[in-house]
């Protein structure tokens, strides 16, 4: 890890020395590199299918539960299907949260991995076995 930092510091100092030599002794600045043109971020497209994420399923379950409680308070008939639908949405949200694939992205800096891999202990192996990761 210390060698990695030392190598990065040497590269930065080497680049700074090269740039410092490019500036004239009269105080003129070296020429700037061309700037990148920033693009506007793309917003959500209208008309596309809304993906049912676990948060949206949970929100729909809460909305149906509130609707069923309000209908029950008004003594409206047919409250039971809304109640069961809200319970089903809660269950689907729970399952969807734990079954989605986890992204394990290796963080890199200039092609080199940043973090040293942690040794796998018994608890981390058990957690990976439970979560399927």
N, C-alpha and C. Protein backbone atom coordinates (compact mmCIF):
# COMPACT_ATOMS: atom_id res chain seq x y z
N UNK A 1 0.83 -1.19 0.00
CA UNK A 1 0.00 0.00 0.00
C UNK A 1 0.87 1.25 0.00
N UNK A 2 1.96 1.23 0.78
CA UNK A 2 2.84 2.39 0.86
C UNK A 2 3.56 2.59 -0.48
N UNK A 3 3.88 1.48 -1.16
CA UNK A 3 4.54 1.59 -2.46
C UNK A 3 3.61 2.24 -3.48
N UNK A 4 2.34 1.93 -3.39
CA UNK A 4 1.36 2.50 -4.31
C UNK A 4 1.30 4.02 -4.14
N UNK A 5 1.25 4.49 -2.89
CA UNK A 5 1.23 5.92 -2.64
C UNK A 5 2.53 6.58 -3.09
N UNK A 6 3.65 5.92 -2.80
CA UNK A 6 4.94 6.46 -3.20
C UNK A 6 5.02 6.60 -4.72
N UNK A 7 4.54 5.59 -5.45
CA UNK A 7 4.57 5.63 -6.91
C UNK A 7 3.68 6.76 -7.44
N UNK A 8 2.50 6.94 -6.85
CA UNK A 8 1.60 8.01 -7.27
C UNK A 8 2.21 9.38 -7.01
N UNK A 9 2.85 9.55 -5.86
CA UNK A 9 3.49 10.83 -5.52
C UNK A 9 4.61 11.13 -6.50
N UNK A 10 5.41 10.10 -6.83
CA UNK A 10 6.50 10.30 -7.79
C UNK A 10 5.97 10.68 -9.17
N UNK A 11 4.87 10.04 -9.59
CA UNK A 11 4.28 10.38 -10.89
C UNK A 11 3.78 11.82 -10.91
N UNK A 12 3.11 12.21 -9.84
CA UNK A 12 2.57 13.58 -9.77
C UNK A 12 3.70 14.60 -9.74
N UNK A 13 4.75 14.32 -8.96
CA UNK A 13 5.88 15.25 -8.91
C UNK A 13 6.60 15.31 -10.25
N UNK A 14 6.69 14.16 -10.93
CA UNK A 14 7.32 14.15 -12.24
C UNK A 14 6.53 14.97 -13.25
N UNK A 15 5.20 14.84 -13.19
CA UNK A 15 4.36 15.62 -14.10
C UNK A 15 4.42 17.10 -13.74
N UNK A 16 4.46 17.41 -12.47
CA UNK A 16 4.54 18.82 -12.06
C UNK A 16 5.86 19.42 -12.48
N UNK A 17 6.93 18.64 -12.42
CA UNK A 17 8.23 19.13 -12.85
C UNK A 17 8.25 19.39 -14.35
N UNK A 18 7.60 18.52 -15.13
CA UNK A 18 7.53 18.72 -16.58
C UNK A 18 6.73 19.97 -16.91
N UNK A 19 5.62 20.18 -16.20
CA UNK A 19 4.78 21.34 -16.45
C UNK A 19 5.48 22.62 -15.99
N UNK A 20 6.25 22.51 -14.91
CA UNK A 20 6.95 23.68 -14.39
C UNK A 20 8.05 24.12 -15.35
N UNK A 21 8.67 23.16 -16.05
CA UNK A 21 9.70 23.50 -17.02
C UNK A 21 9.10 24.14 -18.26
N UNK A 22 7.83 23.85 -18.56
CA UNK A 22 7.18 24.41 -19.74
C UNK A 22 6.90 25.88 -19.58
N UNK A 23 6.77 26.35 -18.37
CA UNK A 23 6.52 27.78 -18.15
C UNK A 23 7.83 28.53 -18.33
N UNK A 24 7.76 29.65 -18.96
CA UNK A 24 8.96 30.44 -19.21
C UNK A 24 9.44 31.12 -17.95
N UNK A 25 10.70 31.54 -17.96
CA UNK A 25 11.23 32.22 -16.78
C UNK A 25 10.67 33.62 -16.65
N UNK A 26 10.00 34.08 -17.73
CA UNK A 26 9.41 35.42 -17.67
C UNK A 26 8.04 35.41 -16.99
N UNK A 27 7.62 34.24 -16.49
CA UNK A 27 6.35 34.17 -15.77
C UNK A 27 5.16 33.83 -16.65
N UNK A 28 5.41 33.50 -17.93
CA UNK A 28 4.29 33.15 -18.80
C UNK A 28 3.77 31.76 -18.43
N UNK A 29 2.51 31.58 -18.61
CA UNK A 29 1.87 30.32 -18.26
C UNK A 29 1.94 29.36 -19.44
N UNK A 30 2.01 28.06 -19.17
CA UNK A 30 2.00 27.10 -20.26
C UNK A 30 0.61 27.10 -20.92
N UNK A 31 0.52 26.69 -22.18
CA UNK A 31 -0.78 26.69 -22.84
C UNK A 31 -1.74 25.71 -22.19
N UNK A 32 -3.00 26.09 -22.13
CA UNK A 32 -4.02 25.25 -21.51
C UNK A 32 -4.48 24.18 -22.48
N UNK A 33 -4.89 23.07 -21.91
CA UNK A 33 -5.47 22.02 -22.75
C UNK A 33 -6.93 22.39 -23.04
N UNK A 34 -7.47 21.94 -24.16
CA UNK A 34 -8.85 22.31 -24.49
C UNK A 34 -9.83 21.75 -23.46
N UNK A 35 -10.86 22.52 -23.18
CA UNK A 35 -11.86 22.10 -22.19
C UNK A 35 -12.85 21.14 -22.82
N UNK A 36 -13.37 20.29 -22.00
CA UNK A 36 -14.42 19.38 -22.46
C UNK A 36 -15.75 20.09 -22.38
N UNK A 37 -16.59 19.81 -23.33
CA UNK A 37 -17.92 20.41 -23.33
C UNK A 37 -18.84 19.51 -22.52
N UNK A 38 -19.44 20.08 -21.50
CA UNK A 38 -20.33 19.30 -20.65
C UNK A 38 -21.67 19.13 -21.34
N UNK A 39 -22.15 17.88 -21.30
CA UNK A 39 -23.46 17.61 -21.88
C UNK A 39 -24.52 17.70 -20.79
N UNK A 40 -25.69 18.07 -21.22
CA UNK A 40 -26.80 18.16 -20.27
C UNK A 40 -27.19 16.74 -19.85
N UNK A 41 -27.47 16.54 -18.55
CA UNK A 41 -27.87 15.21 -18.11
C UNK A 41 -29.22 14.83 -18.71
N UNK A 42 -29.33 13.58 -19.04
CA UNK A 42 -30.57 13.09 -19.62
C UNK A 42 -31.60 12.85 -18.52
N UNK A 43 -32.75 13.34 -18.72
CA UNK A 43 -33.83 13.13 -17.76
C UNK A 43 -34.58 11.85 -18.08
N UNK A 44 -35.50 11.48 -17.23
CA UNK A 44 -36.27 10.27 -17.50
C UNK A 44 -37.17 10.47 -18.72
N UNK A 45 -37.22 9.48 -19.54
CA UNK A 45 -38.05 9.57 -20.74
C UNK A 45 -39.49 9.24 -20.38
N UNK A 46 -40.36 10.05 -20.89
CA UNK A 46 -41.77 9.81 -20.64
C UNK A 46 -42.26 8.67 -21.52
N UNK A 47 -43.19 7.92 -21.03
CA UNK A 47 -43.75 6.83 -21.80
C UNK A 47 -43.02 5.52 -21.64
N UNK A 48 -41.94 5.51 -20.91
CA UNK A 48 -41.23 4.25 -20.70
C UNK A 48 -41.86 3.50 -19.54
N UNK A 49 -41.70 2.20 -19.54
CA UNK A 49 -42.25 1.36 -18.48
C UNK A 49 -41.55 1.65 -17.17
N UNK A 50 -42.29 1.81 -16.10
CA UNK A 50 -41.73 2.05 -14.78
C UNK A 50 -41.38 0.70 -14.17
N UNK A 51 -40.11 0.53 -13.83
CA UNK A 51 -39.65 -0.75 -13.28
C UNK A 51 -40.12 -0.89 -11.83
N UNK A 52 -40.66 -2.05 -11.48
CA UNK A 52 -41.12 -2.24 -10.10
C UNK A 52 -39.95 -2.56 -9.16
N UNK A 53 -39.37 -1.55 -8.57
CA UNK A 53 -38.30 -1.76 -7.60
C UNK A 53 -38.92 -2.10 -6.24
N UNK A 54 -38.08 -2.52 -5.32
CA UNK A 54 -38.59 -2.90 -4.00
C UNK A 54 -39.20 -1.70 -3.28
N UNK A 55 -38.61 -0.53 -3.45
CA UNK A 55 -39.15 0.68 -2.81
C UNK A 55 -40.53 1.04 -3.36
N UNK A 56 -40.69 0.93 -4.67
CA UNK A 56 -41.99 1.24 -5.27
C UNK A 56 -43.05 0.23 -4.86
N UNK A 57 -42.65 -1.05 -4.77
CA UNK A 57 -43.61 -2.07 -4.32
C UNK A 57 -44.03 -1.80 -2.87
N UNK A 58 -43.09 -1.43 -2.04
CA UNK A 58 -43.41 -1.12 -0.65
C UNK A 58 -44.32 0.09 -0.55
N UNK A 59 -44.06 1.11 -1.37
CA UNK A 59 -44.90 2.30 -1.38
C UNK A 59 -46.32 1.97 -1.84
N UNK A 60 -46.44 1.12 -2.85
CA UNK A 60 -47.77 0.70 -3.32
C UNK A 60 -48.49 -0.11 -2.25
N UNK A 61 -47.75 -0.94 -1.53
CA UNK A 61 -48.35 -1.71 -0.43
C UNK A 61 -48.86 -0.82 0.68
N UNK A 62 -48.09 0.22 1.01
CA UNK A 62 -48.53 1.17 2.04
C UNK A 62 -49.76 1.93 1.57
N UNK A 63 -49.78 2.32 0.30
CA UNK A 63 -50.94 3.04 -0.24
C UNK A 63 -52.19 2.17 -0.20
N UNK A 64 -52.05 0.91 -0.57
CA UNK A 64 -53.22 0.01 -0.51
C UNK A 64 -53.66 -0.24 0.93
N UNK A 65 -52.71 -0.32 1.85
CA UNK A 65 -53.06 -0.52 3.26
C UNK A 65 -53.83 0.69 3.80
N UNK A 66 -53.37 1.88 3.46
CA UNK A 66 -54.07 3.10 3.90
C UNK A 66 -55.46 3.15 3.27
N UNK A 67 -55.56 2.77 1.99
CA UNK A 67 -56.85 2.75 1.32
C UNK A 67 -57.80 1.75 1.98
N UNK A 68 -57.29 0.59 2.33
CA UNK A 68 -58.15 -0.41 2.96
C UNK A 68 -58.59 0.05 4.36
N UNK A 69 -57.72 0.72 5.10
CA UNK A 69 -58.10 1.23 6.43
C UNK A 69 -59.17 2.31 6.28
N UNK A 70 -59.00 3.20 5.30
CA UNK A 70 -60.01 4.24 5.08
C UNK A 70 -61.36 3.64 4.66
N UNK A 71 -61.32 2.64 3.79
CA UNK A 71 -62.57 1.99 3.37
C UNK A 71 -63.23 1.25 4.53
N UNK A 72 -62.41 0.64 5.39
CA UNK A 72 -62.96 -0.06 6.55
C UNK A 72 -63.60 0.94 7.52
N UNK A 73 -62.99 2.13 7.67
CA UNK A 73 -63.55 3.15 8.55
C UNK A 73 -64.88 3.66 8.02
N UNK A 74 -65.05 3.65 6.70
CA UNK A 74 -66.30 4.09 6.09
C UNK A 74 -67.32 2.97 5.95
N UNK A 75 -67.01 1.80 6.47
CA UNK A 75 -67.87 0.61 6.39
C UNK A 75 -68.23 0.27 4.96
N UNK A 76 -67.27 0.42 4.06
CA UNK A 76 -67.49 0.08 2.66
C UNK A 76 -67.30 -1.43 2.47
N UNK A 77 -68.09 -2.02 1.60
CA UNK A 77 -67.91 -3.47 1.34
C UNK A 77 -66.69 -3.69 0.43
N UNK A 78 -66.12 -4.86 0.47
CA UNK A 78 -65.01 -5.21 -0.41
C UNK A 78 -63.66 -4.71 0.02
N UNK A 79 -63.43 -4.63 1.32
CA UNK A 79 -62.15 -4.13 1.83
C UNK A 79 -61.09 -5.24 1.84
N UNK A 80 -61.53 -6.46 1.98
CA UNK A 80 -60.62 -7.59 2.14
C UNK A 80 -59.64 -7.74 0.96
N UNK A 81 -60.06 -7.62 -0.30
CA UNK A 81 -59.08 -7.76 -1.39
C UNK A 81 -57.97 -6.70 -1.34
N UNK A 82 -58.30 -5.48 -0.94
CA UNK A 82 -57.27 -4.44 -0.83
C UNK A 82 -56.27 -4.76 0.27
N UNK A 83 -56.78 -5.32 1.36
CA UNK A 83 -55.92 -5.70 2.47
C UNK A 83 -54.96 -6.80 2.06
N UNK A 84 -55.47 -7.84 1.38
CA UNK A 84 -54.61 -8.94 0.94
C UNK A 84 -53.64 -8.49 -0.14
N UNK A 85 -54.06 -7.59 -1.00
CA UNK A 85 -53.15 -7.07 -2.02
C UNK A 85 -52.01 -6.29 -1.39
N UNK A 86 -52.30 -5.53 -0.33
CA UNK A 86 -51.24 -4.77 0.34
C UNK A 86 -50.26 -5.73 1.02
N UNK A 87 -50.76 -6.79 1.63
CA UNK A 87 -49.87 -7.78 2.26
C UNK A 87 -48.99 -8.44 1.19
N UNK A 88 -49.59 -8.78 0.05
CA UNK A 88 -48.83 -9.40 -1.03
C UNK A 88 -47.75 -8.45 -1.56
N UNK A 89 -48.06 -7.18 -1.67
CA UNK A 89 -47.06 -6.22 -2.12
C UNK A 89 -45.92 -6.06 -1.11
N UNK A 90 -46.25 -6.11 0.17
CA UNK A 90 -45.20 -6.08 1.20
C UNK A 90 -44.27 -7.27 1.04
N UNK A 91 -44.84 -8.46 0.84
CA UNK A 91 -44.03 -9.67 0.69
C UNK A 91 -43.17 -9.59 -0.57
N UNK A 92 -43.76 -9.15 -1.68
CA UNK A 92 -43.00 -9.02 -2.93
C UNK A 92 -41.87 -7.99 -2.78
N UNK A 93 -42.12 -6.91 -2.06
CA UNK A 93 -41.08 -5.90 -1.85
C UNK A 93 -39.93 -6.48 -1.03
N UNK A 94 -40.26 -7.25 -0.02
CA UNK A 94 -39.24 -7.89 0.82
C UNK A 94 -38.39 -8.85 0.00
N UNK A 95 -39.06 -9.68 -0.79
CA UNK A 95 -38.33 -10.65 -1.62
C UNK A 95 -37.50 -9.93 -2.68
N UNK A 96 -38.06 -8.90 -3.30
CA UNK A 96 -37.34 -8.18 -4.35
C UNK A 96 -36.10 -7.48 -3.79
N UNK A 97 -36.17 -7.00 -2.57
CA UNK A 97 -35.02 -6.32 -1.98
C UNK A 97 -33.85 -7.28 -1.78
N UNK A 98 -34.12 -8.49 -1.30
CA UNK A 98 -33.04 -9.42 -0.99
C UNK A 98 -32.61 -10.27 -2.17
N UNK A 99 -33.37 -10.31 -3.25
CA UNK A 99 -32.97 -11.13 -4.39
C UNK A 99 -32.33 -10.33 -5.52
N UNK A 100 -32.30 -9.01 -5.42
CA UNK A 100 -31.68 -8.23 -6.49
C UNK A 100 -30.18 -8.46 -6.47
N UNK A 101 -29.56 -8.45 -7.64
CA UNK A 101 -28.11 -8.68 -7.67
C UNK A 101 -27.36 -7.50 -7.08
N UNK A 102 -26.36 -7.80 -6.32
CA UNK A 102 -25.51 -6.77 -5.72
C UNK A 102 -24.35 -6.50 -6.67
N UNK A 103 -24.06 -5.25 -6.89
CA UNK A 103 -22.92 -4.89 -7.71
C UNK A 103 -21.69 -4.75 -6.82
N UNK A 104 -20.72 -5.55 -7.09
CA UNK A 104 -19.47 -5.40 -6.37
C UNK A 104 -18.46 -4.81 -7.35
N UNK A 105 -18.35 -3.52 -7.33
CA UNK A 105 -17.48 -2.81 -8.25
C UNK A 105 -16.12 -2.64 -7.58
N UNK A 106 -15.09 -3.06 -8.29
CA UNK A 106 -13.75 -2.88 -7.76
C UNK A 106 -13.31 -1.46 -8.06
N UNK A 107 -13.01 -0.72 -7.03
CA UNK A 107 -12.59 0.67 -7.21
C UNK A 107 -11.14 0.69 -7.68
N UNK A 108 -10.90 1.47 -8.75
CA UNK A 108 -9.57 1.54 -9.33
C UNK A 108 -9.14 2.98 -9.50
N UNK A 109 -7.83 3.19 -9.43
CA UNK A 109 -7.25 4.50 -9.69
C UNK A 109 -6.10 4.26 -10.67
N UNK A 110 -6.28 4.78 -11.87
CA UNK A 110 -5.29 4.63 -12.94
C UNK A 110 -4.94 3.18 -13.19
N UNK A 111 -5.95 2.34 -13.23
CA UNK A 111 -5.76 0.94 -13.55
C UNK A 111 -5.30 0.06 -12.40
N UNK A 112 -5.08 0.62 -11.24
CA UNK A 112 -4.62 -0.14 -10.08
C UNK A 112 -5.75 -0.25 -9.07
N UNK A 113 -5.97 -1.42 -8.48
CA UNK A 113 -7.01 -1.52 -7.44
C UNK A 113 -6.66 -0.67 -6.23
N UNK A 114 -7.67 0.05 -5.71
CA UNK A 114 -7.43 0.96 -4.59
C UNK A 114 -7.39 0.25 -3.24
N UNK A 115 -8.32 -0.65 -3.02
CA UNK A 115 -8.43 -1.28 -1.71
C UNK A 115 -7.73 -2.62 -1.71
N UNK A 116 -7.04 -2.90 -0.62
CA UNK A 116 -6.46 -4.22 -0.46
C UNK A 116 -7.60 -5.17 -0.10
N UNK A 117 -7.61 -6.37 -0.69
CA UNK A 117 -8.70 -7.30 -0.37
C UNK A 117 -8.62 -7.73 1.10
N UNK A 118 -9.78 -7.74 1.72
CA UNK A 118 -9.86 -8.14 3.12
C UNK A 118 -9.87 -9.67 3.19
N UNK A 119 -9.17 -10.25 4.16
CA UNK A 119 -9.22 -11.70 4.29
C UNK A 119 -10.63 -12.12 4.70
N UNK A 120 -11.11 -13.18 4.09
CA UNK A 120 -12.48 -13.64 4.35
C UNK A 120 -12.52 -14.37 5.69
N UNK A 121 -13.24 -13.80 6.64
CA UNK A 121 -13.42 -14.44 7.93
C UNK A 121 -14.67 -15.29 7.92
N UNK A 122 -14.93 -16.00 9.01
CA UNK A 122 -16.11 -16.88 9.02
C UNK A 122 -17.43 -16.11 8.93
N UNK A 123 -17.50 -14.92 9.55
CA UNK A 123 -18.74 -14.15 9.47
C UNK A 123 -18.98 -13.60 8.06
N UNK A 124 -17.92 -13.13 7.41
CA UNK A 124 -18.09 -12.62 6.04
C UNK A 124 -18.44 -13.74 5.08
N UNK A 125 -17.88 -14.93 5.26
CA UNK A 125 -18.26 -16.06 4.41
C UNK A 125 -19.71 -16.45 4.64
N UNK A 126 -20.16 -16.43 5.90
CA UNK A 126 -21.56 -16.75 6.19
C UNK A 126 -22.49 -15.72 5.57
N UNK A 127 -22.13 -14.44 5.68
CA UNK A 127 -22.96 -13.38 5.11
C UNK A 127 -23.03 -13.50 3.58
N UNK A 128 -21.89 -13.80 2.94
CA UNK A 128 -21.90 -14.01 1.49
C UNK A 128 -22.76 -15.20 1.10
N UNK A 129 -22.73 -16.26 1.92
CA UNK A 129 -23.54 -17.45 1.65
C UNK A 129 -25.03 -17.14 1.78
N UNK A 130 -25.40 -16.32 2.79
CA UNK A 130 -26.80 -15.96 3.00
C UNK A 130 -27.30 -15.06 1.88
N UNK A 131 -26.51 -14.05 1.52
CA UNK A 131 -26.95 -13.09 0.52
C UNK A 131 -26.69 -13.54 -0.91
N UNK A 132 -25.96 -14.61 -1.08
CA UNK A 132 -25.71 -15.12 -2.42
C UNK A 132 -24.69 -14.33 -3.19
N UNK A 133 -23.90 -13.52 -2.49
CA UNK A 133 -22.90 -12.68 -3.16
C UNK A 133 -21.58 -13.23 -2.95
